[in-house]
Amino acid sequence: MERYSHDAHLTSSEIANLWSQYMNDSMSICVIKHYLQHVKDQEIRDILEYALELATGHISQITRFLNEENFPIPLGFTEEDVNLDAPPIFSDKLVIHYMYIMTVHGLSGYAGSFKYIY
């Protein structure tokens, strides 16, 4: 029995989803780092630290996917786009609400990308 190998490349919609998620996660990293400078509630801090870990991991994985395709890496948001020394602009209560809303949007974005993959 002859075996065939198939090396499928990412489609344009998959690349677009990766690009969008890269931008979203790089922005989230900036926002979360600012929040971490000022949050008082330890449980909210724990959530922010976990969210930062996830966003950083996503950036790493997306970078790997794009590198494997020899596709350019987006610049995204960087440390130059946030002033970590700026005073807080939100209470801890609003920060956790923001994180909830952004989680819903993030899950929607990932779910939308799967319809193109499968």
C-alpha atoms as a PDB file:
ATOM      1  CA  MET A   1       0.000   0.000   0.000  1.00  0.00           C
ATOM      2  CA  GLU A   2       1.475   3.302  -1.074  1.00  0.00           C
ATOM      3  CA  ARG A   3       1.474   6.121   1.481  1.00  0.00           C
ATOM      4  CA  TYR A   4       0.892   9.692   0.529  1.00  0.00           C
ATOM      5  CA  SER A   5       2.074  12.644   2.507  1.00  0.00           C
ATOM      6  CA  HIS A   6       0.149  15.851   2.572  1.00  0.00           C
ATOM      7  CA  ASP A   7       1.705  19.031   3.861  1.00  0.00           C
ATOM      8  CA  ALA A   8      -1.233  21.431   4.070  1.00  0.00           C
ATOM      9  CA  HIS A   9      -0.459  25.086   4.550  1.00  0.00           C
ATOM     10  CA  LEU A  10      -2.568  27.546   6.483  1.00  0.00           C
ATOM     11  CA  THR A  11      -5.423  29.084   4.546  1.00  0.00           C
ATOM     12  CA  SER A  12      -5.902  32.832   4.266  1.00  0.00           C
ATOM     13  CA  SER A  13      -8.764  32.743   6.797  1.00  0.00           C
ATOM     14  CA  GLU A  14      -6.610  30.794   9.270  1.00  0.00           C
ATOM     15  CA  ILE A  15      -3.788  33.311   8.886  1.00  0.00           C
ATOM     16  CA  ALA A  16      -6.263  36.174   9.341  1.00  0.00           C
ATOM     17  CA  ASN A  17      -7.554  34.596  12.550  1.00  0.00           C
ATOM     18  CA  LEU A  18      -4.037  34.061  13.857  1.00  0.00           C
ATOM     19  CA  TRP A  19      -3.115  37.636  12.981  1.00  0.00           C
ATOM     20  CA  SER A  20      -6.206  39.011  14.751  1.00  0.00           C
ATOM     21  CA  GLN A  21      -5.610  36.884  17.823  1.00  0.00           C
ATOM     22  CA  TYR A  22      -1.976  37.988  17.931  1.00  0.00           C
ATOM     23  CA  MET A  23      -3.097  41.617  17.953  1.00  0.00           C
ATOM     24  CA  ASN A  24      -5.726  40.952  20.622  1.00  0.00           C
ATOM     25  CA  ASP A  25      -3.334  39.045  22.869  1.00  0.00           C
ATOM     26  CA  SER A  26      -0.540  41.587  22.513  1.00  0.00           C
ATOM     27  CA  MET A  27      -3.009  44.320  23.542  1.00  0.00           C
ATOM     28  CA  SER A  28      -4.221  42.194  26.452  1.00  0.00           C
ATOM     29  CA  ILE A  29      -0.670  41.782  27.705  1.00  0.00           C
ATOM     30  CA  CYS A  30      -0.244  45.558  27.839  1.00  0.00           C
ATOM     31  CA  VAL A  31      -3.578  46.128  29.586  1.00  0.00           C
ATOM     32  CA  ILE A  32      -3.098  43.312  32.091  1.00  0.00           C
ATOM     33  CA  LYS A  33       0.416  44.459  32.996  1.00  0.00           C
ATOM     34  CA  HIS A  34      -1.002  47.903  33.771  1.00  0.00           C
ATOM     35  CA  TYR A  35      -3.778  46.395  35.877  1.00  0.00           C
ATOM     36  CA  LEU A  36      -1.257  44.290  37.790  1.00  0.00           C
ATOM     37  CA  GLN A  37       0.592  47.446  38.821  1.00  0.00           C
ATOM     38  CA  HIS A  38      -2.472  48.653  40.758  1.00  0.00           C
ATOM     39  CA  VAL A  39      -4.811  45.775  41.646  1.00  0.00           C
ATOM     40  CA  LYS A  40      -5.384  45.327  45.379  1.00  0.00           C
ATOM     41  CA  ASP A  41      -7.580  42.215  45.568  1.00  0.00           C
ATOM     42  CA  GLN A  42      -5.428  39.047  45.605  1.00  0.00           C
ATOM     43  CA  GLU A  43      -8.056  36.896  43.889  1.00  0.00           C
ATOM     44  CA  ILE A  44      -8.295  39.384  41.025  1.00  0.00           C
ATOM     45  CA  ARG A  45      -4.490  39.520  40.884  1.00  0.00           C
ATOM     46  CA  ASP A  46      -4.430  35.731  40.518  1.00  0.00           C
ATOM     47  CA  ILE A  47      -6.900  35.922  37.613  1.00  0.00           C
ATOM     48  CA  LEU A  48      -4.856  38.669  35.941  1.00  0.00           C
ATOM     49  CA  GLU A  49      -1.634  36.682  36.318  1.00  0.00           C
ATOM     50  CA  TYR A  50      -3.292  33.622  34.797  1.00  0.00           C
ATOM     51  CA  ALA A  51      -4.700  35.690  31.934  1.00  0.00           C
ATOM     52  CA  LEU A  52      -1.231  37.166  31.318  1.00  0.00           C
ATOM     53  CA  GLU A  53       0.240  33.665  31.240  1.00  0.00           C
ATOM     54  CA  LEU A  54      -2.388  32.550  28.708  1.00  0.00           C
ATOM     55  CA  ALA A  55      -1.927  35.592  26.447  1.00  0.00           C
ATOM     56  CA  THR A  56       1.856  35.176  26.518  1.00  0.00           C
ATOM     57  CA  GLY A  57       1.489  31.492  25.625  1.00  0.00           C
ATOM     58  CA  HIS A  58      -0.869  32.358  22.777  1.00  0.00           C
ATOM     59  CA  ILE A  59       1.659  34.827  21.356  1.00  0.00           C
ATOM     60  CA  SER A  60       4.332  32.137  21.496  1.00  0.00           C
ATOM     61  CA  GLN A  61       2.163  29.538  19.773  1.00  0.00           C
ATOM     62  CA  ILE A  62       0.909  31.916  17.088  1.00  0.00           C
ATOM     63  CA  THR A  63       4.492  33.024  16.404  1.00  0.00           C
ATOM     64  CA  ARG A  64       5.467  29.366  15.957  1.00  0.00           C
ATOM     65  CA  PHE A  65       2.571  28.742  13.543  1.00  0.00           C
ATOM     66  CA  LEU A  66       3.426  31.813  11.453  1.00  0.00           C
ATOM     67  CA  ASN A  67       7.155  31.003  11.444  1.00  0.00           C
ATOM     68  CA  GLU A  68       6.406  27.485  10.188  1.00  0.00           C
ATOM     69  CA  GLU A  69       4.555  29.086   7.272  1.00  0.00           C
ATOM     70  CA  ASN A  70       7.336  31.647   6.657  1.00  0.00           C
ATOM     71  CA  PHE A  71       4.745  34.325   7.282  1.00  0.00           C
ATOM     72  CA  PRO A  72       5.689  37.677   8.872  1.00  0.00           C
ATOM     73  CA  ILE A  73       4.975  38.186  12.565  1.00  0.00           C
ATOM     74  CA  PRO A  74       2.722  41.152  13.386  1.00  0.00           C
ATOM     75  CA  LEU A  75       4.287  43.974  15.376  1.00  0.00           C
ATOM     76  CA  GLY A  76       1.294  44.018  17.687  1.00  0.00           C
ATOM     77  CA  PHE A  77       1.233  46.105  20.830  1.00  0.00           C
ATOM     78  CA  THR A  78       4.465  46.456  22.780  1.00  0.00           C
ATOM     79  CA  GLU A  79       5.763  47.878  26.053  1.00  0.00           C
ATOM     80  CA  GLU A  80       6.080  51.192  24.208  1.00  0.00           C
ATOM     81  CA  ASP A  81       2.273  51.326  23.978  1.00  0.00           C
ATOM     82  CA  VAL A  82       1.608  51.300  27.717  1.00  0.00           C
ATOM     83  CA  ASN A  83       2.839  53.431  30.598  1.00  0.00           C
ATOM     84  CA  LEU A  84       3.021  51.050  33.536  1.00  0.00           C
ATOM     85  CA  ASP A  85       3.698  53.988  35.852  1.00  0.00           C
ATOM     86  CA  ALA A  86       0.445  55.742  34.933  1.00  0.00           C
ATOM     87  CA  PRO A  87      -2.040  55.983  37.783  1.00  0.00           C
ATOM     88  CA  PRO A  88      -4.881  53.468  37.941  1.00  0.00           C
ATOM     89  CA  ILE A  89      -7.932  54.357  35.898  1.00  0.00           C
ATOM     90  CA  PHE A  90     -10.248  51.568  37.076  1.00  0.00           C
ATOM     91  CA  SER A  91     -11.276  50.031  40.377  1.00  0.00           C
ATOM     92  CA  ASP A  92     -10.634  46.336  41.005  1.00  0.00           C
ATOM     93  CA  LYS A  93     -14.352  45.714  40.479  1.00  0.00           C
ATOM     94  CA  LEU A  94     -14.273  47.260  37.017  1.00  0.00           C
ATOM     95  CA  VAL A  95     -11.047  45.405  36.158  1.00  0.00           C
ATOM     96  CA  ILE A  96     -12.648  42.022  36.873  1.00  0.00           C
ATOM     97  CA  HIS A  97     -15.735  43.018  34.883  1.00  0.00           C
ATOM     98  CA  TYR A  98     -13.476  44.057  31.963  1.00  0.00           C
ATOM     99  CA  MET A  99     -11.676  40.706  32.157  1.00  0.00           C
ATOM    100  CA  TYR A 100     -15.011  38.872  32.061  1.00  0.00           C
ATOM    101  CA  ILE A 101     -16.156  40.776  28.965  1.00  0.00           C
ATOM    102  CA  MET A 102     -12.807  40.271  27.215  1.00  0.00           C
ATOM    103  CA  THR A 103     -12.925  36.548  28.037  1.00  0.00           C
ATOM    104  CA  VAL A 104     -16.322  36.293  26.342  1.00  0.00           C
ATOM    105  CA  HIS A 105     -14.975  38.121  23.284  1.00  0.00           C
ATOM    106  CA  GLY A 106     -11.840  35.947  23.226  1.00  0.00           C
ATOM    107  CA  LEU A 107     -13.864  32.750  23.379  1.00  0.00           C
ATOM    108  CA  SER A 108     -16.053  34.010  20.556  1.00  0.00           C
ATOM    109  CA  GLY A 109     -12.982  34.788  18.470  1.00  0.00           C
ATOM    110  CA  TYR A 110     -11.491  31.346  18.973  1.00  0.00           C
ATOM    111  CA  ALA A 111     -14.830  29.654  18.283  1.00  0.00           C
ATOM    112  CA  GLY A 112     -15.160  31.643  15.066  1.00  0.00           C
ATOM    113  CA  SER A 113     -11.759  30.533  13.889  1.00  0.00           C
ATOM    114  CA  PHE A 114     -12.619  26.844  14.306  1.00  0.00           C
ATOM    115  CA  LYS A 115     -15.414  27.006  11.776  1.00  0.00           C
ATOM    116  CA  TYR A 116     -12.743  27.699   9.174  1.00  0.00           C
ATOM    117  CA  ILE A 117     -10.424  24.947  10.321  1.00  0.00           C
ATOM    118  CA  TYR A 118     -12.910  22.067  10.415  1.00  0.00           C
END
